[in-house]
Amino acid sequence: MPQLDTSTWLTMIMSMIMALFIVLQLKISKHNLYHNPKPTPTEMHKQHTPWETKWTKIYLPLSSPLHF
């Protein structure tokens, strides 16, 4: 039975790891990272709607008392 030649395994594994590292570095380098992002204002602007000043009541059919 022939012996399995494992002399090239180390070279193959190291070259695969190096190729994977290079591919990942190229993928990561394509991303733009912003060093000092400006904070966005979080203030809510009040919108004036015509029903704010009026008192309104919504009558739902399910909220009315049941009549038997």
N, C-alpha and C. Protein backbone atom coordinates (compact mmCIF):
# COMPACT_ATOMS: atom_id res chain seq x y z
N MET A 1 0.85 -1.18 0.00
CA MET A 1 0.00 0.00 0.00
C MET A 1 0.89 1.24 0.00
N PRO A 2 0.63 2.20 -0.91
CA PRO A 2 1.52 3.36 -1.00
C PRO A 2 1.36 4.29 0.21
N GLN A 3 2.43 4.97 0.53
CA GLN A 3 2.44 5.89 1.65
C GLN A 3 1.88 7.24 1.18
N LEU A 4 1.08 7.92 2.04
CA LEU A 4 0.50 9.21 1.70
C LEU A 4 1.57 10.28 1.85
N ASP A 5 1.78 11.05 0.79
CA ASP A 5 2.82 12.09 0.81
C ASP A 5 2.23 13.36 1.43
N THR A 6 2.71 13.72 2.60
CA THR A 6 2.21 14.90 3.30
C THR A 6 3.23 16.03 3.31
N SER A 7 4.25 15.97 2.50
CA SER A 7 5.31 16.97 2.54
C SER A 7 4.83 18.32 2.00
N THR A 8 3.83 18.34 1.13
CA THR A 8 3.38 19.62 0.55
C THR A 8 2.19 20.22 1.29
N TRP A 9 1.70 19.52 2.31
CA TRP A 9 0.52 20.01 3.02
C TRP A 9 0.78 21.33 3.71
N LEU A 10 1.92 21.49 4.35
CA LEU A 10 2.23 22.73 5.06
C LEU A 10 2.27 23.91 4.09
N THR A 11 2.89 23.71 2.94
CA THR A 11 2.96 24.78 1.93
C THR A 11 1.57 25.14 1.44
N MET A 12 0.76 24.13 1.19
CA MET A 12 -0.60 24.37 0.70
C MET A 12 -1.44 25.09 1.74
N ILE A 13 -1.37 24.68 2.99
CA ILE A 13 -2.17 25.30 4.05
C ILE A 13 -1.73 26.74 4.27
N MET A 14 -0.43 26.98 4.29
CA MET A 14 0.07 28.34 4.50
C MET A 14 -0.31 29.26 3.34
N SER A 15 -0.25 28.76 2.12
CA SER A 15 -0.62 29.59 0.98
C SER A 15 -2.12 29.87 0.98
N MET A 16 -2.94 28.92 1.42
CA MET A 16 -4.38 29.15 1.50
C MET A 16 -4.70 30.18 2.57
N ILE A 17 -4.03 30.11 3.70
CA ILE A 17 -4.27 31.09 4.78
C ILE A 17 -3.86 32.48 4.31
N MET A 18 -2.71 32.56 3.61
CA MET A 18 -2.26 33.86 3.12
C MET A 18 -3.22 34.43 2.08
N ALA A 19 -3.72 33.59 1.18
CA ALA A 19 -4.67 34.05 0.17
C ALA A 19 -5.97 34.51 0.82
N LEU A 20 -6.45 33.79 1.84
CA LEU A 20 -7.66 34.18 2.54
C LEU A 20 -7.47 35.52 3.26
N PHE A 21 -6.31 35.70 3.87
CA PHE A 21 -6.01 36.96 4.54
C PHE A 21 -6.00 38.12 3.54
N ILE A 22 -5.40 37.93 2.39
CA ILE A 22 -5.33 38.99 1.37
C ILE A 22 -6.72 39.32 0.85
N VAL A 23 -7.54 38.31 0.60
CA VAL A 23 -8.90 38.55 0.11
C VAL A 23 -9.72 39.31 1.14
N LEU A 24 -9.61 38.93 2.41
CA LEU A 24 -10.36 39.63 3.45
C LEU A 24 -9.87 41.07 3.61
N GLN A 25 -8.56 41.30 3.50
CA GLN A 25 -8.04 42.65 3.60
C GLN A 25 -8.55 43.52 2.45
N LEU A 26 -8.63 42.96 1.26
CA LEU A 26 -9.14 43.72 0.12
C LEU A 26 -10.62 44.03 0.28
N LYS A 27 -11.39 43.10 0.84
CA LYS A 27 -12.81 43.36 1.06
C LYS A 27 -13.03 44.42 2.13
N ILE A 28 -12.25 44.33 3.21
CA ILE A 28 -12.41 45.29 4.30
C ILE A 28 -11.96 46.68 3.87
N SER A 29 -10.94 46.77 3.02
CA SER A 29 -10.42 48.08 2.62
C SER A 29 -11.39 48.85 1.73
N LYS A 30 -12.40 48.20 1.19
CA LYS A 30 -13.37 48.90 0.34
C LYS A 30 -14.42 49.65 1.14
N HIS A 31 -14.51 49.40 2.44
CA HIS A 31 -15.51 50.07 3.26
C HIS A 31 -15.01 51.44 3.68
N ASN A 32 -15.91 52.43 3.63
CA ASN A 32 -15.57 53.77 4.08
C ASN A 32 -15.96 53.93 5.53
N LEU A 33 -14.98 54.28 6.35
CA LEU A 33 -15.24 54.52 7.76
C LEU A 33 -15.12 56.01 8.03
N TYR A 34 -16.12 56.59 8.67
CA TYR A 34 -16.10 58.00 8.98
C TYR A 34 -15.50 58.18 10.37
N HIS A 35 -14.46 59.00 10.46
CA HIS A 35 -13.75 59.14 11.72
C HIS A 35 -14.50 60.01 12.72
N ASN A 36 -15.07 61.14 12.27
CA ASN A 36 -15.78 62.03 13.17
C ASN A 36 -17.18 62.30 12.62
N PRO A 37 -18.12 61.42 12.86
CA PRO A 37 -19.46 61.69 12.36
C PRO A 37 -20.11 62.83 13.14
N LYS A 38 -20.83 63.68 12.43
CA LYS A 38 -21.52 64.79 13.09
C LYS A 38 -22.81 64.27 13.71
N PRO A 39 -23.10 64.66 14.94
CA PRO A 39 -24.36 64.21 15.54
C PRO A 39 -25.55 64.88 14.86
N THR A 40 -26.56 64.12 14.61
CA THR A 40 -27.75 64.67 13.98
C THR A 40 -28.67 65.23 15.05
N PRO A 41 -29.34 66.34 14.77
CA PRO A 41 -30.24 66.89 15.77
C PRO A 41 -31.44 65.98 15.98
N THR A 42 -31.79 65.78 17.23
CA THR A 42 -32.90 64.88 17.54
C THR A 42 -34.14 65.64 18.02
N GLU A 43 -34.18 66.94 17.76
CA GLU A 43 -35.33 67.72 18.20
C GLU A 43 -36.54 67.41 17.33
N MET A 44 -37.67 67.29 17.99
CA MET A 44 -38.91 67.04 17.25
C MET A 44 -39.58 68.38 16.97
N HIS A 45 -39.88 68.61 15.71
CA HIS A 45 -40.56 69.85 15.34
C HIS A 45 -42.06 69.67 15.52
N LYS A 46 -42.68 70.60 16.19
CA LYS A 46 -44.11 70.53 16.46
C LYS A 46 -44.87 70.89 15.20
N GLN A 47 -45.75 70.02 14.79
CA GLN A 47 -46.57 70.27 13.62
C GLN A 47 -47.96 70.71 14.10
N HIS A 48 -48.44 71.76 13.51
CA HIS A 48 -49.75 72.29 13.89
C HIS A 48 -50.82 71.64 13.02
N THR A 49 -51.75 70.99 13.69
CA THR A 49 -52.86 70.36 12.98
C THR A 49 -54.15 70.99 13.47
N PRO A 50 -55.16 71.01 12.64
CA PRO A 50 -56.40 71.70 13.02
C PRO A 50 -57.14 71.05 14.18
N TRP A 51 -56.93 69.78 14.45
CA TRP A 51 -57.69 69.13 15.52
C TRP A 51 -56.99 69.21 16.86
N GLU A 52 -55.84 69.87 16.95
CA GLU A 52 -55.16 69.97 18.24
C GLU A 52 -55.92 70.88 19.20
N THR A 53 -56.52 71.93 18.68
CA THR A 53 -57.19 72.88 19.56
C THR A 53 -58.63 72.49 19.86
N LYS A 54 -59.16 71.52 19.16
CA LYS A 54 -60.55 71.11 19.35
C LYS A 54 -60.62 69.87 20.22
N TRP A 55 -61.71 69.78 20.96
CA TRP A 55 -61.96 68.58 21.73
C TRP A 55 -62.75 67.62 20.84
N THR A 56 -62.20 66.44 20.65
CA THR A 56 -62.89 65.47 19.80
C THR A 56 -63.09 64.19 20.59
N LYS A 57 -64.13 63.50 20.25
CA LYS A 57 -64.39 62.21 20.86
C LYS A 57 -64.79 61.24 19.75
N ILE A 58 -64.17 60.08 19.78
CA ILE A 58 -64.45 59.08 18.75
C ILE A 58 -65.41 58.06 19.35
N TYR A 59 -66.50 57.85 18.68
CA TYR A 59 -67.48 56.87 19.12
C TYR A 59 -67.30 55.60 18.31
N LEU A 60 -66.96 54.53 18.98
CA LEU A 60 -66.83 53.26 18.31
C LEU A 60 -68.06 52.42 18.57
N PRO A 61 -68.48 51.64 17.60
CA PRO A 61 -69.67 50.80 17.80
C PRO A 61 -69.45 49.77 18.93
N LEU A 62 -68.25 49.30 19.12
CA LEU A 62 -68.02 48.30 20.15
C LEU A 62 -67.98 48.90 21.55
N SER A 63 -67.77 50.22 21.65
CA SER A 63 -67.70 50.82 22.96
C SER A 63 -69.06 51.26 23.48
N SER A 64 -70.07 51.21 22.65
CA SER A 64 -71.40 51.61 23.11
C SER A 64 -72.00 50.48 23.97
N PRO A 65 -72.86 50.81 24.91
CA PRO A 65 -73.45 49.77 25.76
C PRO A 65 -74.38 48.86 24.96
N LEU A 66 -74.43 47.63 25.37
CA LEU A 66 -75.26 46.66 24.66
C LEU A 66 -76.71 46.79 25.12
N HIS A 67 -77.63 46.75 24.16
CA HIS A 67 -79.05 46.84 24.47
C HIS A 67 -79.70 45.50 24.09
N PHE A 68 -80.38 44.88 25.06
CA PHE A 68 -81.06 43.61 24.80
C PHE A 68 -82.54 43.79 24.77
